[in-house]
Amino acid sequence: MSTHDYLSKEELKNAIHIAYLSLDHEFDYIDESQKDIRLEGVDRTPAENLAYQLGWLNLVMKWDRDEKAGGTVITPSPDYKWNQLGGLYQSYYHTYAAYSLDELRSLLKETEQQWQDWIDSLSDEELFTQGVRKWTGNNPRWPMVKWIHINSVAPFKTFRSKIRKWKKLNRISST
């Protein structure tokens, strides 16, 4: 689904939640001892997969909090430029490295709920009209709904495929 297909806030929220639940379910049969196993052909470990989601969801909500508080938002962050996303991802992996798989899943559940609550706090104008928030940028010129989609629904689906591939390579069944 492309972002212009969202006809309402509720439709967006439902798409996020369905994609989140599908992603989370993939971790049901992964043992804690396997959370940091890197397999050739898959770019992230199970723990890194979850850390990536947590990092982006929290970063986007921080952009909005900072702007609403009167701050200047530097995207993606003051420490990283858009052409340095690998370093940003490494910072996510480092931030969440000490957490167990269950703790990461619990944090993602809480963060997805915070994401939903944040979306609830937005007006339709804020959500669907480009430029209401400065952090949504001029290049690309995306409304907030697109930023929300590409940092939740899209990666939840993409990373679900990645963790399924990881499980297949690691011979983990989903039953």
N, C-alpha and C. Protein backbone atom coordinates (compact mmCIF):
# COMPACT_ATOMS: atom_id res chain seq x y z
N MET A 1 0.85 -1.18 0.00
CA MET A 1 0.00 0.00 0.00
C MET A 1 0.89 1.24 0.00
N SER A 2 0.66 2.15 -0.91
CA SER A 2 1.42 3.39 -0.88
C SER A 2 0.71 4.37 0.04
N THR A 3 1.45 5.37 0.49
CA THR A 3 0.90 6.26 1.51
C THR A 3 -0.30 7.05 1.03
N HIS A 4 -0.40 7.31 -0.25
CA HIS A 4 -1.55 8.09 -0.71
C HIS A 4 -2.83 7.28 -0.65
N ASP A 5 -2.72 5.98 -0.39
CA ASP A 5 -3.89 5.13 -0.27
C ASP A 5 -4.56 5.23 1.10
N TYR A 6 -3.88 5.82 2.07
CA TYR A 6 -4.50 5.94 3.40
C TYR A 6 -5.56 7.03 3.34
N LEU A 7 -6.78 6.62 3.58
CA LEU A 7 -7.89 7.56 3.50
C LEU A 7 -8.23 8.18 4.85
N SER A 8 -7.65 7.58 5.92
CA SER A 8 -7.95 8.09 7.25
C SER A 8 -6.83 7.71 8.21
N LYS A 9 -6.85 8.36 9.33
CA LYS A 9 -5.92 8.05 10.41
C LYS A 9 -6.11 6.61 10.87
N GLU A 10 -7.37 6.18 10.98
CA GLU A 10 -7.66 4.81 11.43
C GLU A 10 -7.11 3.77 10.46
N GLU A 11 -7.20 4.04 9.17
CA GLU A 11 -6.67 3.11 8.18
C GLU A 11 -5.15 2.99 8.33
N LEU A 12 -4.49 4.10 8.53
CA LEU A 12 -3.04 4.11 8.76
C LEU A 12 -2.70 3.32 10.02
N LYS A 13 -3.39 3.61 11.11
CA LYS A 13 -3.12 2.93 12.38
C LYS A 13 -3.34 1.43 12.27
N ASN A 14 -4.39 1.02 11.58
CA ASN A 14 -4.65 -0.41 11.40
C ASN A 14 -3.54 -1.07 10.59
N ALA A 15 -3.09 -0.42 9.53
CA ALA A 15 -2.00 -0.98 8.71
C ALA A 15 -0.73 -1.14 9.54
N ILE A 16 -0.44 -0.16 10.38
CA ILE A 16 0.74 -0.24 11.25
C ILE A 16 0.61 -1.42 12.20
N HIS A 17 -0.54 -1.53 12.85
CA HIS A 17 -0.71 -2.56 13.87
C HIS A 17 -0.67 -3.97 13.26
N ILE A 18 -1.31 -4.16 12.14
CA ILE A 18 -1.30 -5.46 11.47
C ILE A 18 0.14 -5.83 11.07
N ALA A 19 0.88 -4.88 10.50
CA ALA A 19 2.26 -5.15 10.11
C ALA A 19 3.14 -5.42 11.33
N TYR A 20 2.91 -4.68 12.40
CA TYR A 20 3.67 -4.91 13.65
C TYR A 20 3.40 -6.32 14.18
N LEU A 21 2.13 -6.71 14.27
CA LEU A 21 1.79 -8.03 14.80
C LEU A 21 2.42 -9.15 13.97
N SER A 22 2.41 -8.99 12.65
CA SER A 22 3.02 -9.99 11.77
C SER A 22 4.52 -10.09 11.99
N LEU A 23 5.18 -8.94 12.15
CA LEU A 23 6.61 -8.93 12.43
C LEU A 23 6.89 -9.58 13.78
N ASP A 24 6.18 -9.16 14.80
CA ASP A 24 6.43 -9.67 16.15
C ASP A 24 6.26 -11.20 16.21
N HIS A 25 5.24 -11.71 15.55
CA HIS A 25 4.96 -13.15 15.56
C HIS A 25 6.16 -13.97 15.05
N GLU A 26 6.92 -13.40 14.14
CA GLU A 26 8.07 -14.13 13.58
C GLU A 26 9.13 -14.46 14.63
N PHE A 27 9.10 -13.77 15.75
CA PHE A 27 10.11 -13.99 16.79
C PHE A 27 9.68 -15.04 17.82
N ASP A 28 8.47 -15.59 17.66
CA ASP A 28 7.93 -16.54 18.64
C ASP A 28 8.81 -17.77 18.85
N TYR A 29 9.44 -18.25 17.82
CA TYR A 29 10.19 -19.51 17.92
C TYR A 29 11.70 -19.32 17.83
N ILE A 30 12.15 -18.10 18.06
CA ILE A 30 13.59 -17.84 18.08
C ILE A 30 14.05 -17.85 19.53
N ASP A 31 14.99 -18.69 19.82
CA ASP A 31 15.51 -18.82 21.18
C ASP A 31 16.43 -17.66 21.51
N GLU A 32 16.44 -17.30 22.77
CA GLU A 32 17.30 -16.21 23.26
C GLU A 32 18.76 -16.43 22.84
N SER A 33 19.20 -17.67 22.86
CA SER A 33 20.61 -17.97 22.53
C SER A 33 20.94 -17.66 21.07
N GLN A 34 19.92 -17.41 20.26
CA GLN A 34 20.13 -17.18 18.83
C GLN A 34 19.97 -15.71 18.42
N LYS A 35 19.72 -14.83 19.38
CA LYS A 35 19.37 -13.45 19.04
C LYS A 35 20.47 -12.69 18.32
N ASP A 36 21.72 -13.09 18.52
CA ASP A 36 22.84 -12.35 17.91
C ASP A 36 23.53 -13.16 16.81
N ILE A 37 22.89 -14.20 16.34
CA ILE A 37 23.51 -15.02 15.28
C ILE A 37 23.34 -14.30 13.94
N ARG A 38 24.48 -14.11 13.29
CA ARG A 38 24.50 -13.48 11.97
C ARG A 38 24.66 -14.59 10.94
N LEU A 39 23.78 -14.57 9.93
CA LEU A 39 23.83 -15.58 8.88
C LEU A 39 24.11 -14.92 7.54
N GLU A 40 24.93 -15.57 6.75
CA GLU A 40 25.23 -15.06 5.42
C GLU A 40 23.93 -14.99 4.61
N GLY A 41 23.73 -13.87 3.94
CA GLY A 41 22.53 -13.70 3.15
C GLY A 41 21.44 -12.90 3.85
N VAL A 42 21.64 -12.62 5.13
CA VAL A 42 20.69 -11.80 5.89
C VAL A 42 21.51 -10.71 6.59
N ASP A 43 21.13 -9.45 6.38
CA ASP A 43 21.99 -8.35 6.84
C ASP A 43 21.89 -8.01 8.33
N ARG A 44 20.90 -8.57 9.04
CA ARG A 44 20.76 -8.26 10.46
C ARG A 44 20.46 -9.51 11.28
N THR A 45 20.94 -9.50 12.50
CA THR A 45 20.59 -10.55 13.45
C THR A 45 19.16 -10.28 13.95
N PRO A 46 18.53 -11.25 14.61
CA PRO A 46 17.20 -10.98 15.17
C PRO A 46 17.19 -9.76 16.10
N ALA A 47 18.21 -9.64 16.97
CA ALA A 47 18.26 -8.50 17.89
C ALA A 47 18.43 -7.19 17.12
N GLU A 48 19.26 -7.19 16.08
CA GLU A 48 19.46 -5.98 15.28
C GLU A 48 18.18 -5.60 14.53
N ASN A 49 17.43 -6.59 14.10
CA ASN A 49 16.16 -6.35 13.42
C ASN A 49 15.24 -5.54 14.33
N LEU A 50 15.13 -5.96 15.58
CA LEU A 50 14.27 -5.25 16.53
C LEU A 50 14.85 -3.90 16.93
N ALA A 51 16.17 -3.84 17.12
CA ALA A 51 16.81 -2.57 17.49
C ALA A 51 16.60 -1.51 16.40
N TYR A 52 16.66 -1.92 15.16
CA TYR A 52 16.42 -1.01 14.03
C TYR A 52 15.02 -0.40 14.14
N GLN A 53 14.02 -1.26 14.37
CA GLN A 53 12.65 -0.76 14.48
C GLN A 53 12.52 0.23 15.63
N LEU A 54 13.07 -0.14 16.78
CA LEU A 54 13.00 0.73 17.95
C LEU A 54 13.71 2.06 17.69
N GLY A 55 14.87 1.99 17.08
CA GLY A 55 15.62 3.21 16.80
C GLY A 55 14.85 4.19 15.95
N TRP A 56 14.31 3.70 14.82
CA TRP A 56 13.60 4.60 13.91
C TRP A 56 12.30 5.14 14.50
N LEU A 57 11.51 4.27 15.12
CA LEU A 57 10.25 4.75 15.69
C LEU A 57 10.51 5.85 16.71
N ASN A 58 11.48 5.63 17.59
CA ASN A 58 11.79 6.63 18.61
C ASN A 58 12.39 7.90 18.01
N LEU A 59 13.20 7.76 16.97
CA LEU A 59 13.81 8.93 16.35
C LEU A 59 12.76 9.83 15.70
N VAL A 60 11.84 9.24 14.95
CA VAL A 60 10.82 10.06 14.29
C VAL A 60 9.93 10.76 15.32
N MET A 61 9.55 10.05 16.38
CA MET A 61 8.75 10.71 17.42
C MET A 61 9.54 11.82 18.10
N LYS A 62 10.87 11.64 18.24
CA LYS A 62 11.72 12.66 18.84
C LYS A 62 11.76 13.91 17.95
N TRP A 63 11.84 13.72 16.64
CA TRP A 63 11.82 14.87 15.73
C TRP A 63 10.58 15.72 16.01
N ASP A 64 9.43 15.05 16.12
CA ASP A 64 8.18 15.78 16.30
C ASP A 64 8.13 16.45 17.67
N ARG A 65 8.55 15.73 18.72
CA ARG A 65 8.59 16.33 20.07
C ARG A 65 9.50 17.55 20.09
N ASP A 66 10.69 17.42 19.49
CA ASP A 66 11.66 18.51 19.50
C ASP A 66 11.12 19.74 18.76
N GLU A 67 10.49 19.53 17.61
CA GLU A 67 9.94 20.67 16.88
C GLU A 67 8.80 21.33 17.66
N LYS A 68 7.92 20.51 18.23
CA LYS A 68 6.80 21.08 19.00
C LYS A 68 7.30 21.84 20.22
N ALA A 69 8.48 21.46 20.74
CA ALA A 69 9.07 22.14 21.89
C ALA A 69 9.87 23.38 21.47
N GLY A 70 9.87 23.68 20.18
CA GLY A 70 10.55 24.88 19.70
C GLY A 70 11.98 24.65 19.25
N GLY A 71 12.42 23.41 19.25
CA GLY A 71 13.80 23.11 18.85
C GLY A 71 13.95 23.02 17.34
N THR A 72 15.20 23.08 16.91
CA THR A 72 15.52 22.87 15.51
C THR A 72 15.85 21.40 15.32
N VAL A 73 15.18 20.76 14.39
CA VAL A 73 15.37 19.33 14.16
C VAL A 73 16.36 19.14 13.02
N ILE A 74 17.40 18.39 13.30
CA ILE A 74 18.39 18.03 12.28
C ILE A 74 18.15 16.57 11.95
N THR A 75 17.73 16.30 10.71
CA THR A 75 17.45 14.92 10.31
C THR A 75 18.62 14.36 9.51
N PRO A 76 18.94 13.08 9.65
CA PRO A 76 18.28 12.18 10.58
C PRO A 76 18.66 12.43 12.03
N SER A 77 19.89 12.90 12.29
CA SER A 77 20.27 13.25 13.66
C SER A 77 21.47 14.18 13.61
N PRO A 78 21.74 14.89 14.71
CA PRO A 78 22.90 15.78 14.70
C PRO A 78 24.23 15.04 14.45
N ASP A 79 24.26 13.75 14.78
CA ASP A 79 25.50 12.98 14.66
C ASP A 79 25.67 12.29 13.31
N TYR A 80 24.59 12.18 12.53
CA TYR A 80 24.64 11.43 11.27
C TYR A 80 23.93 12.18 10.16
N LYS A 81 24.51 12.13 8.97
CA LYS A 81 23.86 12.68 7.78
C LYS A 81 23.13 11.53 7.08
N TRP A 82 22.29 11.88 6.10
CA TRP A 82 21.52 10.86 5.40
C TRP A 82 22.41 9.84 4.69
N ASN A 83 23.63 10.24 4.32
CA ASN A 83 24.53 9.30 3.65
C ASN A 83 25.38 8.52 4.66
N GLN A 84 25.04 8.62 5.94
CA GLN A 84 25.77 7.91 6.99
C GLN A 84 24.82 7.04 7.82
N LEU A 85 23.80 6.50 7.18
CA LEU A 85 22.80 5.74 7.93
C LEU A 85 23.37 4.47 8.55
N GLY A 86 24.40 3.90 7.96
CA GLY A 86 25.02 2.72 8.56
C GLY A 86 25.50 3.00 9.97
N GLY A 87 26.08 4.17 10.19
CA GLY A 87 26.52 4.56 11.53
C GLY A 87 25.35 4.75 12.48
N LEU A 88 24.26 5.31 11.97
CA LEU A 88 23.05 5.48 12.77
C LEU A 88 22.52 4.10 13.19
N TYR A 89 22.47 3.16 12.26
CA TYR A 89 21.98 1.82 12.58
C TYR A 89 22.88 1.16 13.63
N GLN A 90 24.19 1.34 13.50
CA GLN A 90 25.11 0.78 14.50
C GLN A 90 24.82 1.37 15.88
N SER A 91 24.46 2.65 15.92
CA SER A 91 24.14 3.26 17.22
C SER A 91 22.89 2.62 17.81
N TYR A 92 21.92 2.25 16.97
CA TYR A 92 20.73 1.54 17.46
C TYR A 92 21.13 0.19 18.03
N TYR A 93 21.96 -0.54 17.29
CA TYR A 93 22.36 -1.88 17.74
C TYR A 93 23.10 -1.78 19.07
N HIS A 94 23.94 -0.77 19.20
CA HIS A 94 24.69 -0.57 20.45
C HIS A 94 23.75 -0.23 21.60
N THR A 95 22.80 0.67 21.35
CA THR A 95 21.84 1.10 22.38
C THR A 95 21.08 -0.08 22.97
N TYR A 96 20.70 -1.01 22.12
CA TYR A 96 19.83 -2.11 22.56
C TYR A 96 20.55 -3.45 22.71
N ALA A 97 21.88 -3.46 22.62
CA ALA A 97 22.65 -4.71 22.62
C ALA A 97 22.47 -5.54 23.89
N ALA A 98 22.29 -4.91 25.03
CA ALA A 98 22.22 -5.63 26.30
C ALA A 98 20.84 -6.24 26.58
N TYR A 99 19.86 -5.91 25.76
CA TYR A 99 18.51 -6.40 25.99
C TYR A 99 18.33 -7.82 25.47
N SER A 100 17.53 -8.60 26.18
CA SER A 100 17.17 -9.94 25.70
C SER A 100 16.17 -9.80 24.56
N LEU A 101 15.95 -10.89 23.85
CA LEU A 101 14.97 -10.89 22.77
C LEU A 101 13.57 -10.57 23.31
N ASP A 102 13.22 -11.15 24.46
CA ASP A 102 11.91 -10.86 25.07
C ASP A 102 11.80 -9.39 25.45
N GLU A 103 12.87 -8.83 26.00
CA GLU A 103 12.85 -7.41 26.37
C GLU A 103 12.72 -6.53 25.13
N LEU A 104 13.42 -6.88 24.06
CA LEU A 104 13.32 -6.11 22.82
C LEU A 104 11.90 -6.17 22.26
N ARG A 105 11.31 -7.35 22.30
CA ARG A 105 9.93 -7.50 21.82
C ARG A 105 8.97 -6.68 22.68
N SER A 106 9.18 -6.70 23.97
CA SER A 106 8.33 -5.94 24.88
C SER A 106 8.49 -4.43 24.62
N LEU A 107 9.73 -3.99 24.42
CA LEU A 107 9.98 -2.58 24.11
C LEU A 107 9.32 -2.19 22.79
N LEU A 108 9.40 -3.08 21.80
CA LEU A 108 8.78 -2.75 20.51
C LEU A 108 7.26 -2.69 20.66
N LYS A 109 6.69 -3.56 21.47
CA LYS A 109 5.24 -3.51 21.71
C LYS A 109 4.86 -2.17 22.35
N GLU A 110 5.61 -1.76 23.36
CA GLU A 110 5.35 -0.47 24.02
C GLU A 110 5.55 0.69 23.05
N THR A 111 6.58 0.61 22.24
CA THR A 111 6.90 1.70 21.32
C THR A 111 5.86 1.79 20.20
N GLU A 112 5.38 0.66 19.74
CA GLU A 112 4.32 0.67 18.73
C GLU A 112 3.07 1.33 19.31
N GLN A 113 2.78 1.08 20.59
CA GLN A 113 1.63 1.73 21.22
C GLN A 113 1.86 3.24 21.36
N GLN A 114 3.08 3.64 21.70
CA GLN A 114 3.42 5.08 21.76
C GLN A 114 3.26 5.72 20.37
N TRP A 115 3.68 5.00 19.35
CA TRP A 115 3.56 5.46 17.95
C TRP A 115 2.08 5.67 17.61
N GLN A 116 1.24 4.70 18.00
CA GLN A 116 -0.21 4.80 17.77
C GLN A 116 -0.79 6.01 18.53
N ASP A 117 -0.37 6.18 19.79
CA ASP A 117 -0.85 7.31 20.59
C ASP A 117 -0.40 8.63 19.98
N TRP A 118 0.83 8.67 19.46
CA TRP A 118 1.33 9.88 18.81
C TRP A 118 0.48 10.20 17.58
N ILE A 119 0.19 9.18 16.77
CA ILE A 119 -0.65 9.41 15.59
C ILE A 119 -2.02 9.93 16.01
N ASP A 120 -2.58 9.37 17.09
CA ASP A 120 -3.87 9.85 17.61
C ASP A 120 -3.82 11.33 17.97
N SER A 121 -2.65 11.79 18.41
CA SER A 121 -2.52 13.19 18.83
C SER A 121 -2.42 14.16 17.65
N LEU A 122 -2.23 13.63 16.45
CA LEU A 122 -2.06 14.47 15.27
C LEU A 122 -3.41 14.78 14.62
N SER A 123 -3.53 15.99 14.12
CA SER A 123 -4.74 16.34 13.36
C SER A 123 -4.59 15.78 11.94
N ASP A 124 -5.70 15.70 11.22
CA ASP A 124 -5.63 15.25 9.83
C ASP A 124 -4.74 16.19 9.01
N GLU A 125 -4.79 17.47 9.32
CA GLU A 125 -3.94 18.43 8.60
C GLU A 125 -2.47 18.11 8.86
N GLU A 126 -2.10 17.90 10.12
CA GLU A 126 -0.71 17.57 10.44
C GLU A 126 -0.27 16.28 9.76
N LEU A 127 -1.16 15.33 9.71
CA LEU A 127 -0.84 14.01 9.18
C LEU A 127 -0.76 13.99 7.65
N PHE A 128 -1.70 14.63 6.99
CA PHE A 128 -1.83 14.47 5.53
C PHE A 128 -1.38 15.67 4.70
N THR A 129 -1.03 16.79 5.33
CA THR A 129 -0.62 17.98 4.58
C THR A 129 0.87 18.20 4.73
N GLN A 130 1.58 18.22 3.62
CA GLN A 130 3.03 18.42 3.65
C GLN A 130 3.34 19.83 4.14
N GLY A 131 4.37 19.93 4.97
CA GLY A 131 4.87 21.23 5.38
C GLY A 131 4.32 21.75 6.70
N VAL A 132 3.35 21.07 7.29
CA VAL A 132 2.82 21.52 8.58
C VAL A 132 3.93 21.44 9.63
N ARG A 133 4.76 20.41 9.54
CA ARG A 133 5.94 20.29 10.40
C ARG A 133 7.18 20.52 9.54
N LYS A 134 8.08 21.34 10.04
CA LYS A 134 9.33 21.62 9.31
C LYS A 134 10.16 20.37 9.11
N TRP A 135 10.15 19.45 10.11
CA TRP A 135 11.01 18.27 10.00
C TRP A 135 10.63 17.37 8.84
N THR A 136 9.43 17.51 8.30
CA THR A 136 9.06 16.67 7.16
C THR A 136 9.80 17.09 5.90
N GLY A 137 10.43 18.26 5.92
CA GLY A 137 11.37 18.64 4.89
C GLY A 137 10.81 19.19 3.60
N ASN A 138 11.74 19.69 2.82
CA ASN A 138 11.42 20.21 1.50
C ASN A 138 11.90 19.27 0.40
N ASN A 139 12.88 18.44 0.72
CA ASN A 139 13.44 17.53 -0.26
C ASN A 139 13.78 16.22 0.44
N PRO A 140 12.96 15.22 0.42
CA PRO A 140 11.72 15.15 -0.35
C PRO A 140 10.58 15.89 0.34
N ARG A 141 9.60 16.25 -0.43
CA ARG A 141 8.43 16.94 0.10
C ARG A 141 7.36 15.92 0.44
N TRP A 142 7.46 15.37 1.63
CA TRP A 142 6.54 14.33 2.06
C TRP A 142 5.65 14.82 3.19
N PRO A 143 4.36 14.48 3.16
CA PRO A 143 3.52 14.73 4.33
C PRO A 143 3.94 13.77 5.44
N MET A 144 3.56 14.07 6.67
CA MET A 144 3.94 13.25 7.80
C MET A 144 3.49 11.80 7.64
N VAL A 145 2.34 11.58 7.01
CA VAL A 145 1.84 10.21 6.83
C VAL A 145 2.85 9.36 6.07
N LYS A 146 3.57 9.94 5.13
CA LYS A 146 4.56 9.15 4.39
C LYS A 146 5.75 8.80 5.28
N TRP A 147 6.21 9.76 6.09
CA TRP A 147 7.29 9.48 7.04
C TRP A 147 6.86 8.37 8.00
N ILE A 148 5.63 8.43 8.45
CA ILE A 148 5.12 7.42 9.37
C ILE A 148 5.09 6.05 8.69
N HIS A 149 4.59 6.01 7.47
CA HIS A 149 4.52 4.75 6.72
C HIS A 149 5.92 4.15 6.50
N ILE A 150 6.86 4.96 6.04
CA ILE A 150 8.18 4.41 5.69
C ILE A 150 9.01 4.06 6.92
N ASN A 151 8.54 4.45 8.09
CA ASN A 151 9.26 4.10 9.32
C ASN A 151 8.48 3.14 10.21
N SER A 152 7.38 2.60 9.69
CA SER A 152 6.64 1.60 10.46
C SER A 152 6.12 0.51 9.53
N VAL A 153 5.06 0.76 8.80
CA VAL A 153 4.46 -0.27 7.95
C VAL A 153 5.50 -0.87 7.00
N ALA A 154 6.21 -0.03 6.28
CA ALA A 154 7.16 -0.53 5.27
C ALA A 154 8.27 -1.38 5.89
N PRO A 155 9.01 -0.88 6.90
CA PRO A 155 10.06 -1.74 7.45
C PRO A 155 9.52 -2.94 8.23
N PHE A 156 8.35 -2.82 8.85
CA PHE A 156 7.79 -3.99 9.53
C PHE A 156 7.61 -5.12 8.52
N LYS A 157 7.11 -4.79 7.32
CA LYS A 157 6.91 -5.81 6.29
C LYS A 157 8.24 -6.31 5.73
N THR A 158 9.13 -5.39 5.41
CA THR A 158 10.44 -5.76 4.86
C THR A 158 11.23 -6.61 5.84
N PHE A 159 11.24 -6.19 7.09
CA PHE A 159 12.04 -6.89 8.10
C PHE A 159 11.39 -8.21 8.51
N ARG A 160 10.08 -8.32 8.32
CA ARG A 160 9.42 -9.62 8.53
C ARG A 160 9.98 -10.61 7.51
N SER A 161 10.10 -10.18 6.26
CA SER A 161 10.68 -11.05 5.23
C SER A 161 12.11 -11.42 5.57
N LYS A 162 12.87 -10.44 6.09
CA LYS A 162 14.26 -10.70 6.45
C LYS A 162 14.37 -11.72 7.59
N ILE A 163 13.52 -11.59 8.60
CA ILE A 163 13.61 -12.53 9.72
C ILE A 163 13.10 -13.90 9.30
N ARG A 164 12.14 -13.96 8.39
CA ARG A 164 11.70 -15.25 7.85
C ARG A 164 12.84 -15.93 7.10
N LYS A 165 13.59 -15.16 6.32
CA LYS A 165 14.74 -15.72 5.61
C LYS A 165 15.79 -16.21 6.62
N TRP A 166 16.03 -15.41 7.67
CA TRP A 166 16.99 -15.79 8.70
C TRP A 166 16.56 -17.12 9.33
N LYS A 167 15.27 -17.24 9.66
CA LYS A 167 14.77 -18.47 10.28
C LYS A 167 14.92 -19.66 9.33
N LYS A 168 14.61 -19.45 8.05
CA LYS A 168 14.75 -20.54 7.08
C LYS A 168 16.21 -21.00 6.99
N LEU A 169 17.13 -20.05 6.91
CA LEU A 169 18.56 -20.38 6.85
C LEU A 169 19.02 -21.06 8.13
N ASN A 170 18.40 -20.72 9.24
CA ASN A 170 18.75 -21.28 10.54
C ASN A 170 17.89 -22.50 10.90
N ARG A 171 17.04 -22.88 9.95
CA ARG A 171 16.17 -24.05 10.09
C ARG A 171 15.25 -23.96 11.32
N ILE A 172 14.66 -22.79 11.49
CA ILE A 172 13.70 -22.60 12.58
C ILE A 172 12.30 -22.59 11.97
N SER A 173 11.46 -23.44 12.49
CA SER A 173 10.09 -23.54 12.01
C SER A 173 9.21 -22.55 12.77
N SER A 174 8.16 -22.12 12.13
CA SER A 174 7.18 -21.21 12.77
C SER A 174 6.00 -21.97 13.34
N THR A 175 6.22 -23.24 13.61
CA THR A 175 5.11 -24.03 14.18
C THR A 175 5.54 -24.72 15.44
